[in-house]
Amino acid sequence: MSSERDQVIALAGVFQAAALVQQLARRGYEDEVPFEICVRSLFIQDAINTASVFGGESGLELGLRTLRDKLAAGGKQTELDTARYVLGLTQLGQRLARHDVMSHTVAMELEKVKSGIQRENGEGLGSRVYEELAAIYRNTISQLKPKIIVQGEHGHLASPIIVDKVRTILFAGVRAAFLWNQLGGRRLHLLLRRKQILATAEEILAGTGA
């Protein structure tokens, strides 16, 4: 049985993705390190533990802070956007977990993208990778309901690279939500176990030095 800590780590991955979607849509750029951590989490299938999916607990500082701040308080429009994205991602993660054919298709397509990265240089992420990941999301997960409607400012969502990045990070958020679901996480827990989740997030953050 998974621990509360494992569930909160996976949930922080969902919140990190939601925060990054909000950044991209509202200001047209993202915090690069947490963004790359989320994208790389898509390619990790046989992790030794939950934290290693995200390169360790320190890789989720943005997600943990967003989770903590959202559970502790809220109210601003951008915070409401983030909460809406979290809700949509958790719903899609649950639906994907029940869709065996789509889950298999997603895994196969991710393996193709991973193989392409390894053939080229083994490390790099860039516009081509984001375009490929965005296409997988568009052709699979985005066909599920609910549709996540991303709201932005200043025409940022008119930029093809921003749209690809948004879809890529939504993809990573659904993957984190899928993991959270596998670990026993449920949306009702955000209400019923709010204090426990908040306390665990604070504990993890303290351990990362954030």
C-alpha atoms as a PDB file:
ATOM      1  CA  MET A   1       0.000   0.000   0.000  1.00  0.00           C
ATOM      2  CA  SER A   2       1.343   3.442  -0.902  1.00  0.00           C
ATOM      3  CA  SER A   3       2.238   5.968   1.765  1.00  0.00           C
ATOM      4  CA  GLU A   4       0.710   9.388   2.278  1.00  0.00           C
ATOM      5  CA  ARG A   5       4.094  10.817   1.262  1.00  0.00           C
ATOM      6  CA  ASP A   6       4.064   8.982  -2.094  1.00  0.00           C
ATOM      7  CA  GLN A   7       0.560  10.232  -2.823  1.00  0.00           C
ATOM      8  CA  VAL A   8       1.509  13.817  -1.990  1.00  0.00           C
ATOM      9  CA  ILE A   9       4.615  13.605  -4.191  1.00  0.00           C
ATOM     10  CA  ALA A  10       2.510  12.471  -7.157  1.00  0.00           C
ATOM     11  CA  LEU A  11      -0.125  15.097  -6.374  1.00  0.00           C
ATOM     12  CA  ALA A  12       2.595  17.759  -6.276  1.00  0.00           C
ATOM     13  CA  GLY A  13       3.457  16.687  -9.825  1.00  0.00           C
ATOM     14  CA  VAL A  14      -0.122  17.511 -10.825  1.00  0.00           C
ATOM     15  CA  PHE A  15       0.040  20.907  -9.111  1.00  0.00           C
ATOM     16  CA  GLN A  16       3.415  21.644 -10.684  1.00  0.00           C
ATOM     17  CA  ALA A  17       2.022  20.977 -14.143  1.00  0.00           C
ATOM     18  CA  ALA A  18      -1.023  23.130 -13.417  1.00  0.00           C
ATOM     19  CA  ALA A  19       1.180  26.012 -12.208  1.00  0.00           C
ATOM     20  CA  LEU A  20       3.323  25.768 -15.354  1.00  0.00           C
ATOM     21  CA  VAL A  21       0.255  25.813 -17.619  1.00  0.00           C
ATOM     22  CA  GLN A  22      -0.870  28.963 -15.824  1.00  0.00           C
ATOM     23  CA  GLN A  23       2.589  30.530 -16.296  1.00  0.00           C
ATOM     24  CA  LEU A  24       2.683  29.774 -20.006  1.00  0.00           C
ATOM     25  CA  ALA A  25      -0.840  31.025 -20.635  1.00  0.00           C
ATOM     26  CA  ARG A  26      -0.623  34.155 -18.491  1.00  0.00           C
ATOM     27  CA  ARG A  27       2.944  35.366 -19.057  1.00  0.00           C
ATOM     28  CA  GLY A  28       4.131  33.462 -22.140  1.00  0.00           C
ATOM     29  CA  TYR A  29       7.090  31.669 -20.551  1.00  0.00           C
ATOM     30  CA  GLU A  30       7.711  29.101 -17.844  1.00  0.00           C
ATOM     31  CA  ASP A  31      10.136  28.320 -15.030  1.00  0.00           C
ATOM     32  CA  GLU A  32      12.555  26.197 -17.026  1.00  0.00           C
ATOM     33  CA  VAL A  33      13.805  23.721 -14.409  1.00  0.00           C
ATOM     34  CA  PRO A  34      10.410  22.519 -13.107  1.00  0.00           C
ATOM     35  CA  PHE A  35       9.145  22.477 -16.697  1.00  0.00           C
ATOM     36  CA  GLU A  36      11.953  20.185 -17.839  1.00  0.00           C
ATOM     37  CA  ILE A  37      11.462  17.953 -14.787  1.00  0.00           C
ATOM     38  CA  CYS A  38       7.788  17.511 -15.673  1.00  0.00           C
ATOM     39  CA  VAL A  39       8.546  16.781 -19.327  1.00  0.00           C
ATOM     40  CA  ARG A  40      11.226  14.228 -18.475  1.00  0.00           C
ATOM     41  CA  SER A  41       8.832  12.511 -16.055  1.00  0.00           C
ATOM     42  CA  LEU A  42       6.838  11.405 -19.111  1.00  0.00           C
ATOM     43  CA  PHE A  43       9.673   9.091 -20.141  1.00  0.00           C
ATOM     44  CA  ILE A  44      10.252   7.424 -16.767  1.00  0.00           C
ATOM     45  CA  GLN A  45       8.367   4.133 -16.632  1.00  0.00           C
ATOM     46  CA  ASP A  46      10.298   1.952 -14.168  1.00  0.00           C
ATOM     47  CA  ALA A  47      11.157   4.333 -11.352  1.00  0.00           C
ATOM     48  CA  ILE A  48      12.651   2.971  -8.150  1.00  0.00           C
ATOM     49  CA  ASN A  49      10.231   5.113  -6.139  1.00  0.00           C
ATOM     50  CA  THR A  50       7.671   7.855  -6.623  1.00  0.00           C
ATOM     51  CA  ALA A  51      10.056  10.755  -6.055  1.00  0.00           C
ATOM     52  CA  SER A  52      12.500   9.477  -8.698  1.00  0.00           C
ATOM     53  CA  VAL A  53       9.842  10.012 -11.381  1.00  0.00           C
ATOM     54  CA  PHE A  54      10.496  13.721 -10.829  1.00  0.00           C
ATOM     55  CA  GLY A  55      14.223  13.523 -10.219  1.00  0.00           C
ATOM     56  CA  GLY A  56      13.791  13.561  -6.449  1.00  0.00           C
ATOM     57  CA  GLU A  57      11.599  15.537  -4.074  1.00  0.00           C
ATOM     58  CA  SER A  58      13.548  18.757  -4.713  1.00  0.00           C
ATOM     59  CA  GLY A  59      12.364  18.639  -8.329  1.00  0.00           C
ATOM     60  CA  LEU A  60       8.824  19.277  -7.116  1.00  0.00           C
ATOM     61  CA  GLU A  61       9.438  22.466  -5.154  1.00  0.00           C
ATOM     62  CA  LEU A  62       7.106  24.493  -7.390  1.00  0.00           C
ATOM     63  CA  GLY A  63       4.390  21.849  -7.186  1.00  0.00           C
ATOM     64  CA  LEU A  64       4.707  21.447  -3.429  1.00  0.00           C
ATOM     65  CA  ARG A  65       4.571  25.200  -2.854  1.00  0.00           C
ATOM     66  CA  THR A  66       1.581  25.532  -5.174  1.00  0.00           C
ATOM     67  CA  LEU A  67      -0.185  22.638  -3.436  1.00  0.00           C
ATOM     68  CA  ARG A  68       0.548  24.110  -0.013  1.00  0.00           C
ATOM     69  CA  ASP A  69      -0.546  27.609  -0.944  1.00  0.00           C
ATOM     70  CA  LYS A  70      -3.693  26.436  -2.689  1.00  0.00           C
ATOM     71  CA  LEU A  71      -4.813  24.211   0.181  1.00  0.00           C
ATOM     72  CA  ALA A  72      -3.982  26.867   2.749  1.00  0.00           C
ATOM     73  CA  ALA A  73      -5.754  29.729   0.953  1.00  0.00           C
ATOM     74  CA  GLY A  74      -6.962  30.927  -2.433  1.00  0.00           C
ATOM     75  CA  GLY A  75      -9.019  33.489  -4.244  1.00  0.00           C
ATOM     76  CA  LYS A  76      -6.975  35.184  -6.974  1.00  0.00           C
ATOM     77  CA  GLN A  77      -8.028  34.544 -10.559  1.00  0.00           C
ATOM     78  CA  THR A  78      -4.725  32.881 -11.439  1.00  0.00           C
ATOM     79  CA  GLU A  79      -5.087  30.643  -8.400  1.00  0.00           C
ATOM     80  CA  LEU A  80      -8.598  29.737  -9.527  1.00  0.00           C
ATOM     81  CA  ASP A  81      -7.190  28.860 -12.950  1.00  0.00           C
ATOM     82  CA  THR A  82      -4.600  26.605 -11.317  1.00  0.00           C
ATOM     83  CA  ALA A  83      -7.278  24.887  -9.218  1.00  0.00           C
ATOM     84  CA  ARG A  84      -9.378  24.334 -12.334  1.00  0.00           C
ATOM     85  CA  TYR A  85      -6.431  22.804 -14.157  1.00  0.00           C
ATOM     86  CA  VAL A  86      -5.718  20.505 -11.188  1.00  0.00           C
ATOM     87  CA  LEU A  87      -9.323  19.338 -11.157  1.00  0.00           C
ATOM     88  CA  GLY A  88      -9.283  18.638 -14.891  1.00  0.00           C
ATOM     89  CA  LEU A  89      -5.946  16.822 -14.753  1.00  0.00           C
ATOM     90  CA  THR A  90      -7.059  14.557 -11.900  1.00  0.00           C
ATOM     91  CA  GLN A  91     -10.249  13.705 -13.766  1.00  0.00           C
ATOM     92  CA  LEU A  92      -8.333  12.897 -16.959  1.00  0.00           C
ATOM     93  CA  GLY A  93      -5.788  10.839 -15.037  1.00  0.00           C
ATOM     94  CA  GLN A  94      -8.590   8.737 -13.612  1.00  0.00           C
ATOM     95  CA  ARG A  95     -10.231   8.295 -17.006  1.00  0.00           C
ATOM     96  CA  LEU A  96      -6.941   7.340 -18.654  1.00  0.00           C
ATOM     97  CA  ALA A  97      -6.374   4.720 -15.935  1.00  0.00           C
ATOM     98  CA  ARG A  98      -9.657   3.109 -16.984  1.00  0.00           C
ATOM     99  CA  HIS A  99      -8.868   3.241 -20.715  1.00  0.00           C
ATOM    100  CA  ASP A 100      -6.488   0.334 -21.337  1.00  0.00           C
ATOM    101  CA  VAL A 101      -6.268   0.790 -25.110  1.00  0.00           C
ATOM    102  CA  MET A 102      -5.446   4.483 -24.880  1.00  0.00           C
ATOM    103  CA  SER A 103      -2.971   3.907 -22.046  1.00  0.00           C
ATOM    104  CA  HIS A 104      -1.147   1.367 -24.215  1.00  0.00           C
ATOM    105  CA  THR A 105      -1.163   3.726 -27.205  1.00  0.00           C
ATOM    106  CA  VAL A 106       0.228   6.566 -25.110  1.00  0.00           C
ATOM    107  CA  ALA A 107       3.005   4.347 -23.730  1.00  0.00           C
ATOM    108  CA  MET A 108       3.972   3.161 -27.222  1.00  0.00           C
ATOM    109  CA  GLU A 109       4.040   6.694 -28.634  1.00  0.00           C
ATOM    110  CA  LEU A 110       6.119   7.950 -25.722  1.00  0.00           C
ATOM    111  CA  GLU A 111       8.627   5.177 -26.337  1.00  0.00           C
ATOM    112  CA  LYS A 112       8.969   6.337 -29.954  1.00  0.00           C
ATOM    113  CA  VAL A 113       9.697   9.899 -28.870  1.00  0.00           C
ATOM    114  CA  LYS A 114      12.174   8.673 -26.245  1.00  0.00           C
ATOM    115  CA  SER A 115      13.966   6.538 -28.841  1.00  0.00           C
ATOM    116  CA  GLY A 116      14.204   9.554 -31.147  1.00  0.00           C
ATOM    117  CA  ILE A 117      15.799  11.653 -28.405  1.00  0.00           C
ATOM    118  CA  GLN A 118      18.306   8.895 -27.651  1.00  0.00           C
ATOM    119  CA  ARG A 119      19.213   8.523 -31.336  1.00  0.00           C
ATOM    120  CA  GLU A 120      19.951  12.220 -31.656  1.00  0.00           C
ATOM    121  CA  ASN A 121      21.899  13.103 -28.523  1.00  0.00           C
ATOM    122  CA  GLY A 122      20.450  11.236 -25.600  1.00  0.00           C
ATOM    123  CA  GLU A 123      19.542  14.305 -23.589  1.00  0.00           C
ATOM    124  CA  GLY A 124      18.100  17.276 -25.397  1.00  0.00           C
ATOM    125  CA  LEU A 125      14.565  18.565 -25.287  1.00  0.00           C
ATOM    126  CA  GLY A 126      13.378  21.169 -27.736  1.00  0.00           C
ATOM    127  CA  SER A 127      10.628  22.413 -30.013  1.00  0.00           C
ATOM    128  CA  ARG A 128      10.499  19.196 -32.053  1.00  0.00           C
ATOM    129  CA  VAL A 129      10.073  17.071 -28.929  1.00  0.00           C
ATOM    130  CA  TYR A 130       7.379  19.395 -27.595  1.00  0.00           C
ATOM    131  CA  GLU A 131       5.603  19.230 -30.936  1.00  0.00           C
ATOM    132  CA  GLU A 132       5.657  15.416 -30.882  1.00  0.00           C
ATOM    133  CA  LEU A 133       4.478  15.207 -27.273  1.00  0.00           C
ATOM    134  CA  ALA A 134       1.757  17.768 -27.935  1.00  0.00           C
ATOM    135  CA  ALA A 135       0.566  15.675 -30.896  1.00  0.00           C
ATOM    136  CA  ILE A 136       0.318  12.562 -28.715  1.00  0.00           C
ATOM    137  CA  TYR A 137      -1.729  14.487 -26.156  1.00  0.00           C
ATOM    138  CA  ARG A 138      -3.959  16.024 -28.836  1.00  0.00           C
ATOM    139  CA  ASN A 139      -4.621  12.674 -30.527  1.00  0.00           C
ATOM    140  CA  THR A 140      -5.261  10.693 -27.361  1.00  0.00           C
ATOM    141  CA  ILE A 141      -5.873  12.223 -23.950  1.00  0.00           C
ATOM    142  CA  SER A 142      -7.489  15.418 -25.220  1.00  0.00           C
ATOM    143  CA  GLN A 143     -10.231  13.246 -26.745  1.00  0.00           C
ATOM    144  CA  LEU A 144     -11.339  12.326 -23.218  1.00  0.00           C
ATOM    145  CA  LYS A 145     -13.627  14.457 -21.121  1.00  0.00           C
ATOM    146  CA  PRO A 146     -13.542  16.870 -19.448  1.00  0.00           C
ATOM    147  CA  LYS A 147     -11.794  19.156 -21.910  1.00  0.00           C
ATOM    148  CA  ILE A 148      -9.316  21.424 -20.168  1.00  0.00           C
ATOM    149  CA  ILE A 149      -9.864  24.977 -21.395  1.00  0.00           C
ATOM    150  CA  VAL A 150      -6.706  27.033 -20.939  1.00  0.00           C
ATOM    151  CA  GLN A 151      -7.181  30.770 -20.527  1.00  0.00           C
ATOM    152  CA  GLY A 152      -4.357  33.165 -21.309  1.00  0.00           C
ATOM    153  CA  GLU A 153      -3.380  36.786 -21.790  1.00  0.00           C
ATOM    154  CA  HIS A 154      -1.761  38.961 -24.446  1.00  0.00           C
ATOM    155  CA  GLY A 155      -2.161  36.443 -27.254  1.00  0.00           C
ATOM    156  CA  HIS A 156       0.329  33.970 -25.779  1.00  0.00           C
ATOM    157  CA  LEU A 157      -1.830  31.037 -26.835  1.00  0.00           C
ATOM    158  CA  ALA A 158      -1.590  32.187 -30.457  1.00  0.00           C
ATOM    159  CA  SER A 159       2.059  31.085 -30.462  1.00  0.00           C
ATOM    160  CA  PRO A 160       2.529  27.523 -31.792  1.00  0.00           C
ATOM    161  CA  ILE A 161       5.460  26.807 -29.465  1.00  0.00           C
ATOM    162  CA  ILE A 162       3.482  27.998 -26.430  1.00  0.00           C
ATOM    163  CA  VAL A 163       0.539  25.809 -27.464  1.00  0.00           C
ATOM    164  CA  ASP A 164       2.880  22.820 -27.863  1.00  0.00           C
ATOM    165  CA  LYS A 165       4.406  23.476 -24.453  1.00  0.00           C
ATOM    166  CA  VAL A 166       0.966  23.811 -22.843  1.00  0.00           C
ATOM    167  CA  ARG A 167      -0.180  20.503 -24.323  1.00  0.00           C
ATOM    168  CA  THR A 168       3.105  18.869 -23.325  1.00  0.00           C
ATOM    169  CA  ILE A 169       2.800  20.003 -19.723  1.00  0.00           C
ATOM    170  CA  LEU A 170      -0.877  19.023 -19.579  1.00  0.00           C
ATOM    171  CA  PHE A 171       0.309  15.599 -20.755  1.00  0.00           C
ATOM    172  CA  ALA A 172       2.819  15.498 -17.892  1.00  0.00           C
ATOM    173  CA  GLY A 173       0.110  16.586 -15.469  1.00  0.00           C
ATOM    174  CA  VAL A 174      -2.181  13.773 -16.554  1.00  0.00           C
ATOM    175  CA  ARG A 175       0.701  11.325 -16.166  1.00  0.00           C
ATOM    176  CA  ALA A 176       1.246  12.569 -12.599  1.00  0.00           C
ATOM    177  CA  ALA A 177      -2.501  12.303 -11.928  1.00  0.00           C
ATOM    178  CA  PHE A 178      -2.486   8.782 -13.376  1.00  0.00           C
ATOM    179  CA  LEU A 179       0.320   7.911 -10.936  1.00  0.00           C
ATOM    180  CA  TRP A 180      -1.540   9.561  -8.047  1.00  0.00           C
ATOM    181  CA  ASN A 181      -4.593   7.465  -8.908  1.00  0.00           C
ATOM    182  CA  GLN A 182      -2.469   4.292  -8.992  1.00  0.00           C
ATOM    183  CA  LEU A 183      -1.144   5.155  -5.526  1.00  0.00           C
ATOM    184  CA  GLY A 184      -4.671   5.426  -4.155  1.00  0.00           C
ATOM    185  CA  GLY A 185      -5.148   9.171  -4.475  1.00  0.00           C
ATOM    186  CA  ARG A 186      -8.724  10.390  -5.004  1.00  0.00           C
ATOM    187  CA  ARG A 187     -10.132  13.871  -5.597  1.00  0.00           C
ATOM    188  CA  LEU A 188     -12.295  13.571  -2.490  1.00  0.00           C
ATOM    189  CA  HIS A 189      -9.092  13.369  -0.462  1.00  0.00           C
ATOM    190  CA  LEU A 190      -8.427  17.031  -1.279  1.00  0.00           C
ATOM    191  CA  LEU A 191     -11.402  17.820   0.942  1.00  0.00           C
ATOM    192  CA  LEU A 192     -11.450  15.007   3.486  1.00  0.00           C
ATOM    193  CA  ARG A 193      -7.684  14.767   4.045  1.00  0.00           C
ATOM    194  CA  ARG A 194      -6.730  18.354   3.362  1.00  0.00           C
ATOM    195  CA  LYS A 195      -4.919  18.861   6.676  1.00  0.00           C
ATOM    196  CA  GLN A 196      -2.916  15.640   6.328  1.00  0.00           C
ATOM    197  CA  ILE A 197      -1.947  16.460   2.742  1.00  0.00           C
ATOM    198  CA  LEU A 198      -0.938  19.984   3.727  1.00  0.00           C
ATOM    199  CA  ALA A 199       1.147  18.739   6.655  1.00  0.00           C
ATOM    200  CA  THR A 200       2.930  16.185   4.467  1.00  0.00           C
ATOM    201  CA  ALA A 201       3.632  18.791   1.780  1.00  0.00           C
ATOM    202  CA  GLU A 202       5.117  21.091   4.438  1.00  0.00           C
ATOM    203  CA  GLU A 203       7.261  18.231   5.736  1.00  0.00           C
ATOM    204  CA  ILE A 204       8.595  17.423   2.256  1.00  0.00           C
ATOM    205  CA  LEU A 205       9.270  21.095   1.526  1.00  0.00           C
ATOM    206  CA  ALA A 206      11.210  21.409   4.766  1.00  0.00           C
ATOM    207  CA  GLY A 207      13.319  18.442   3.701  1.00  0.00           C
ATOM    208  CA  THR A 208      14.147  20.074   0.358  1.00  0.00           C
ATOM    209  CA  GLY A 209      15.225  23.276   2.071  1.00  0.00           C
ATOM    210  CA  ALA A 210      12.555  25.319   0.278  1.00  0.00           C
END
